[in-house]
Amino acid sequence: MKRIYEYKGFQIDVQPEPIWKPVDGASLAGAEGYLAVVRISTRTAGVPIFAPLRLTGARSKPFATEAEALMAGYSAGQRLIDDAANA
């Protein structure tokens, strides 16, 4: 599930990436959690202004749900844009 958010003239693209838990044998169990992959670009040209970020939850643990990964990615994108504007 990929989401694109607009914020102060920028586009924040957040995509949860599942972390698969290995099990014995050839099959995979369900996702153990999610990372948030965040890309920030200009809204008009779509030119990336930062390298993609891969975020984890607290203590480098994966986010429990896709929704948590999406919201954390959006918040991180907002902070990066605000910090870049204030620099």
N, C-alpha and C. Protein backbone atom coordinates (compact mmCIF):
# COMPACT_ATOMS: atom_id res chain seq x y z
N MET A 1 0.85 -1.16 0.00
CA MET A 1 0.00 0.00 0.00
C MET A 1 0.91 1.23 0.00
N LYS A 2 0.86 1.97 -1.06
CA LYS A 2 1.69 3.16 -1.21
C LYS A 2 0.80 4.38 -1.07
N ARG A 3 1.29 5.39 -0.35
CA ARG A 3 0.53 6.63 -0.19
C ARG A 3 1.39 7.81 -0.59
N ILE A 4 0.75 8.80 -1.21
CA ILE A 4 1.42 10.04 -1.59
C ILE A 4 0.71 11.18 -0.87
N TYR A 5 1.49 11.95 -0.12
CA TYR A 5 0.96 13.07 0.64
C TYR A 5 1.54 14.37 0.10
N GLU A 6 0.75 15.42 0.10
CA GLU A 6 1.21 16.76 -0.28
C GLU A 6 1.48 17.54 1.01
N TYR A 7 2.62 18.24 1.04
CA TYR A 7 2.97 19.02 2.23
C TYR A 7 3.84 20.20 1.82
N LYS A 8 3.35 21.40 2.01
CA LYS A 8 4.09 22.64 1.75
C LYS A 8 4.77 22.67 0.38
N GLY A 9 4.06 22.24 -0.64
CA GLY A 9 4.60 22.27 -2.00
C GLY A 9 5.48 21.08 -2.36
N PHE A 10 5.58 20.11 -1.49
CA PHE A 10 6.38 18.91 -1.74
C PHE A 10 5.47 17.70 -1.75
N GLN A 11 6.00 16.64 -2.29
CA GLN A 11 5.28 15.37 -2.33
C GLN A 11 6.04 14.37 -1.47
N ILE A 12 5.35 13.78 -0.50
CA ILE A 12 5.95 12.77 0.37
C ILE A 12 5.35 11.42 -0.03
N ASP A 13 6.19 10.55 -0.54
CA ASP A 13 5.78 9.23 -1.00
C ASP A 13 6.21 8.22 0.07
N VAL A 14 5.23 7.55 0.68
CA VAL A 14 5.54 6.59 1.75
C VAL A 14 5.03 5.22 1.33
N GLN A 15 5.91 4.24 1.43
CA GLN A 15 5.53 2.88 1.07
C GLN A 15 6.00 1.92 2.16
N PRO A 16 5.06 1.23 2.81
CA PRO A 16 5.45 0.21 3.79
C PRO A 16 6.09 -0.98 3.07
N GLU A 17 7.17 -1.47 3.64
CA GLU A 17 7.87 -2.63 3.07
C GLU A 17 7.83 -3.76 4.09
N PRO A 18 7.21 -4.89 3.76
CA PRO A 18 7.10 -5.98 4.75
C PRO A 18 8.46 -6.60 5.06
N ILE A 19 8.60 -7.02 6.29
CA ILE A 19 9.77 -7.77 6.73
C ILE A 19 9.28 -9.19 6.97
N TRP A 20 9.80 -10.11 6.20
CA TRP A 20 9.33 -11.50 6.28
C TRP A 20 10.12 -12.27 7.31
N LYS A 21 9.42 -13.04 8.09
CA LYS A 21 10.04 -13.88 9.11
C LYS A 21 10.38 -15.23 8.50
N PRO A 22 11.66 -15.60 8.53
CA PRO A 22 12.02 -16.91 7.96
C PRO A 22 11.53 -18.04 8.86
N VAL A 23 11.15 -19.12 8.23
CA VAL A 23 10.75 -20.33 8.96
C VAL A 23 11.51 -21.50 8.37
N ASP A 24 11.52 -22.61 9.07
CA ASP A 24 12.19 -23.80 8.54
C ASP A 24 11.45 -24.28 7.30
N GLY A 25 12.20 -24.71 6.31
CA GLY A 25 11.59 -25.18 5.07
C GLY A 25 11.61 -24.09 4.01
N ALA A 26 10.81 -24.29 2.99
CA ALA A 26 10.85 -23.40 1.83
C ALA A 26 9.80 -22.30 1.87
N SER A 27 8.87 -22.34 2.81
CA SER A 27 7.80 -21.34 2.81
C SER A 27 8.10 -20.20 3.78
N LEU A 28 7.42 -19.10 3.58
CA LEU A 28 7.56 -17.94 4.47
C LEU A 28 6.31 -17.81 5.33
N ALA A 29 6.50 -17.39 6.54
CA ALA A 29 5.36 -17.08 7.41
C ALA A 29 4.87 -15.68 7.05
N GLY A 30 3.88 -15.20 7.74
CA GLY A 30 3.39 -13.85 7.50
C GLY A 30 4.44 -12.80 7.82
N ALA A 31 4.16 -11.59 7.41
CA ALA A 31 5.11 -10.50 7.65
C ALA A 31 5.30 -10.28 9.14
N GLU A 32 6.55 -10.10 9.52
CA GLU A 32 6.89 -9.87 10.93
C GLU A 32 6.62 -8.42 11.32
N GLY A 33 6.61 -7.54 10.36
CA GLY A 33 6.38 -6.12 10.58
C GLY A 33 6.68 -5.36 9.30
N TYR A 34 6.83 -4.05 9.42
CA TYR A 34 7.02 -3.22 8.24
C TYR A 34 8.06 -2.14 8.47
N LEU A 35 8.79 -1.81 7.41
CA LEU A 35 9.63 -0.62 7.35
C LEU A 35 8.85 0.43 6.60
N ALA A 36 9.21 1.68 6.78
CA ALA A 36 8.62 2.76 5.99
C ALA A 36 9.69 3.29 5.05
N VAL A 37 9.44 3.23 3.75
CA VAL A 37 10.34 3.79 2.76
C VAL A 37 9.76 5.14 2.35
N VAL A 38 10.54 6.21 2.56
CA VAL A 38 10.06 7.58 2.35
C VAL A 38 10.88 8.25 1.26
N ARG A 39 10.18 8.83 0.29
CA ARG A 39 10.82 9.61 -0.78
C ARG A 39 10.16 10.98 -0.80
N ILE A 40 10.97 12.02 -0.88
CA ILE A 40 10.45 13.40 -0.90
C ILE A 40 10.88 14.05 -2.21
N SER A 41 9.92 14.62 -2.90
CA SER A 41 10.22 15.28 -4.17
C SER A 41 9.43 16.57 -4.29
N THR A 42 9.80 17.37 -5.28
CA THR A 42 9.04 18.58 -5.54
C THR A 42 7.73 18.17 -6.21
N ARG A 43 6.68 18.88 -5.88
CA ARG A 43 5.37 18.52 -6.41
C ARG A 43 5.29 18.77 -7.92
N THR A 44 5.87 19.86 -8.37
CA THR A 44 5.73 20.23 -9.77
C THR A 44 6.60 19.39 -10.70
N ALA A 45 7.86 19.21 -10.37
CA ALA A 45 8.78 18.49 -11.26
C ALA A 45 8.96 17.03 -10.88
N GLY A 46 8.60 16.66 -9.65
CA GLY A 46 8.79 15.29 -9.21
C GLY A 46 10.24 14.92 -9.01
N VAL A 47 11.10 15.92 -8.83
CA VAL A 47 12.53 15.68 -8.66
C VAL A 47 12.82 15.37 -7.18
N PRO A 48 13.43 14.22 -6.89
CA PRO A 48 13.74 13.90 -5.49
C PRO A 48 14.73 14.91 -4.90
N ILE A 49 14.48 15.31 -3.65
CA ILE A 49 15.39 16.25 -3.00
C ILE A 49 16.23 15.59 -1.91
N PHE A 50 15.88 14.38 -1.53
CA PHE A 50 16.63 13.59 -0.57
C PHE A 50 16.74 12.17 -1.10
N ALA A 51 17.74 11.44 -0.65
CA ALA A 51 17.81 10.02 -0.94
C ALA A 51 16.66 9.33 -0.20
N PRO A 52 16.14 8.23 -0.73
CA PRO A 52 15.06 7.52 -0.03
C PRO A 52 15.50 7.13 1.39
N LEU A 53 14.57 7.25 2.32
CA LEU A 53 14.83 6.89 3.72
C LEU A 53 14.12 5.58 4.04
N ARG A 54 14.75 4.75 4.82
CA ARG A 54 14.12 3.51 5.30
C ARG A 54 14.05 3.63 6.82
N LEU A 55 12.83 3.72 7.33
CA LEU A 55 12.61 3.94 8.76
C LEU A 55 12.12 2.69 9.46
N THR A 56 12.57 2.53 10.71
CA THR A 56 12.05 1.47 11.57
C THR A 56 11.39 2.13 12.77
N GLY A 57 10.75 1.32 13.56
CA GLY A 57 10.12 1.82 14.78
C GLY A 57 11.15 1.98 15.89
N ALA A 58 10.67 2.08 17.10
CA ALA A 58 11.52 2.25 18.28
C ALA A 58 12.47 1.07 18.44
N ARG A 59 13.70 1.38 18.81
CA ARG A 59 14.75 0.38 19.05
C ARG A 59 14.99 -0.52 17.84
N SER A 60 14.86 0.06 16.66
CA SER A 60 15.10 -0.64 15.39
C SER A 60 14.18 -1.83 15.15
N LYS A 61 13.05 -1.84 15.82
CA LYS A 61 12.04 -2.88 15.62
C LYS A 61 11.14 -2.44 14.45
N PRO A 62 10.62 -3.39 13.70
CA PRO A 62 9.71 -3.01 12.62
C PRO A 62 8.38 -2.48 13.18
N PHE A 63 7.68 -1.71 12.36
CA PHE A 63 6.36 -1.25 12.74
C PHE A 63 5.41 -2.45 12.70
N ALA A 64 4.46 -2.49 13.60
CA ALA A 64 3.55 -3.64 13.69
C ALA A 64 2.57 -3.69 12.52
N THR A 65 2.13 -2.53 12.03
CA THR A 65 1.14 -2.49 10.96
C THR A 65 1.58 -1.56 9.84
N GLU A 66 0.94 -1.72 8.69
CA GLU A 66 1.21 -0.82 7.57
C GLU A 66 0.81 0.60 7.92
N ALA A 67 -0.29 0.76 8.65
CA ALA A 67 -0.76 2.10 9.02
C ALA A 67 0.27 2.82 9.89
N GLU A 68 0.89 2.12 10.83
CA GLU A 68 1.93 2.74 11.66
C GLU A 68 3.11 3.18 10.81
N ALA A 69 3.51 2.34 9.86
CA ALA A 69 4.63 2.68 8.98
C ALA A 69 4.29 3.90 8.12
N LEU A 70 3.07 3.96 7.60
CA LEU A 70 2.64 5.10 6.79
C LEU A 70 2.68 6.40 7.58
N MET A 71 2.11 6.40 8.78
CA MET A 71 2.05 7.62 9.58
C MET A 71 3.44 8.06 10.04
N ALA A 72 4.30 7.11 10.41
CA ALA A 72 5.66 7.46 10.82
C ALA A 72 6.44 8.02 9.63
N GLY A 73 6.25 7.46 8.45
CA GLY A 73 6.93 7.96 7.27
C GLY A 73 6.47 9.36 6.90
N TYR A 74 5.17 9.60 7.00
CA TYR A 74 4.63 10.93 6.70
C TYR A 74 5.16 11.96 7.70
N SER A 75 5.18 11.62 8.98
CA SER A 75 5.70 12.53 10.01
C SER A 75 7.18 12.83 9.78
N ALA A 76 7.95 11.81 9.43
CA ALA A 76 9.38 12.02 9.17
C ALA A 76 9.58 12.91 7.95
N GLY A 77 8.77 12.71 6.93
CA GLY A 77 8.85 13.56 5.74
C GLY A 77 8.54 15.01 6.06
N GLN A 78 7.51 15.24 6.88
CA GLN A 78 7.16 16.60 7.29
C GLN A 78 8.33 17.26 8.04
N ARG A 79 8.94 16.53 8.96
CA ARG A 79 10.05 17.09 9.74
C ARG A 79 11.24 17.43 8.84
N LEU A 80 11.54 16.55 7.88
CA LEU A 80 12.65 16.84 6.96
C LEU A 80 12.39 18.09 6.14
N ILE A 81 11.18 18.25 5.65
CA ILE A 81 10.83 19.43 4.87
C ILE A 81 10.91 20.68 5.74
N ASP A 82 10.38 20.62 6.95
CA ASP A 82 10.44 21.76 7.85
C ASP A 82 11.87 22.10 8.22
N ASP A 83 12.69 21.10 8.51
CA ASP A 83 14.09 21.34 8.86
C ASP A 83 14.86 21.94 7.69
N ALA A 84 14.61 21.47 6.48
CA ALA A 84 15.30 22.00 5.31
C ALA A 84 14.89 23.45 5.05
N ALA A 85 13.64 23.79 5.34
CA ALA A 85 13.17 25.16 5.13
C ALA A 85 13.76 26.11 6.16
N ASN A 86 14.07 25.61 7.36
CA ASN A 86 14.60 26.44 8.43
C ASN A 86 16.13 26.52 8.44
N ALA A 87 16.75 25.73 7.55
CA ALA A 87 18.23 25.71 7.54
C ALA A 87 18.80 26.88 6.78
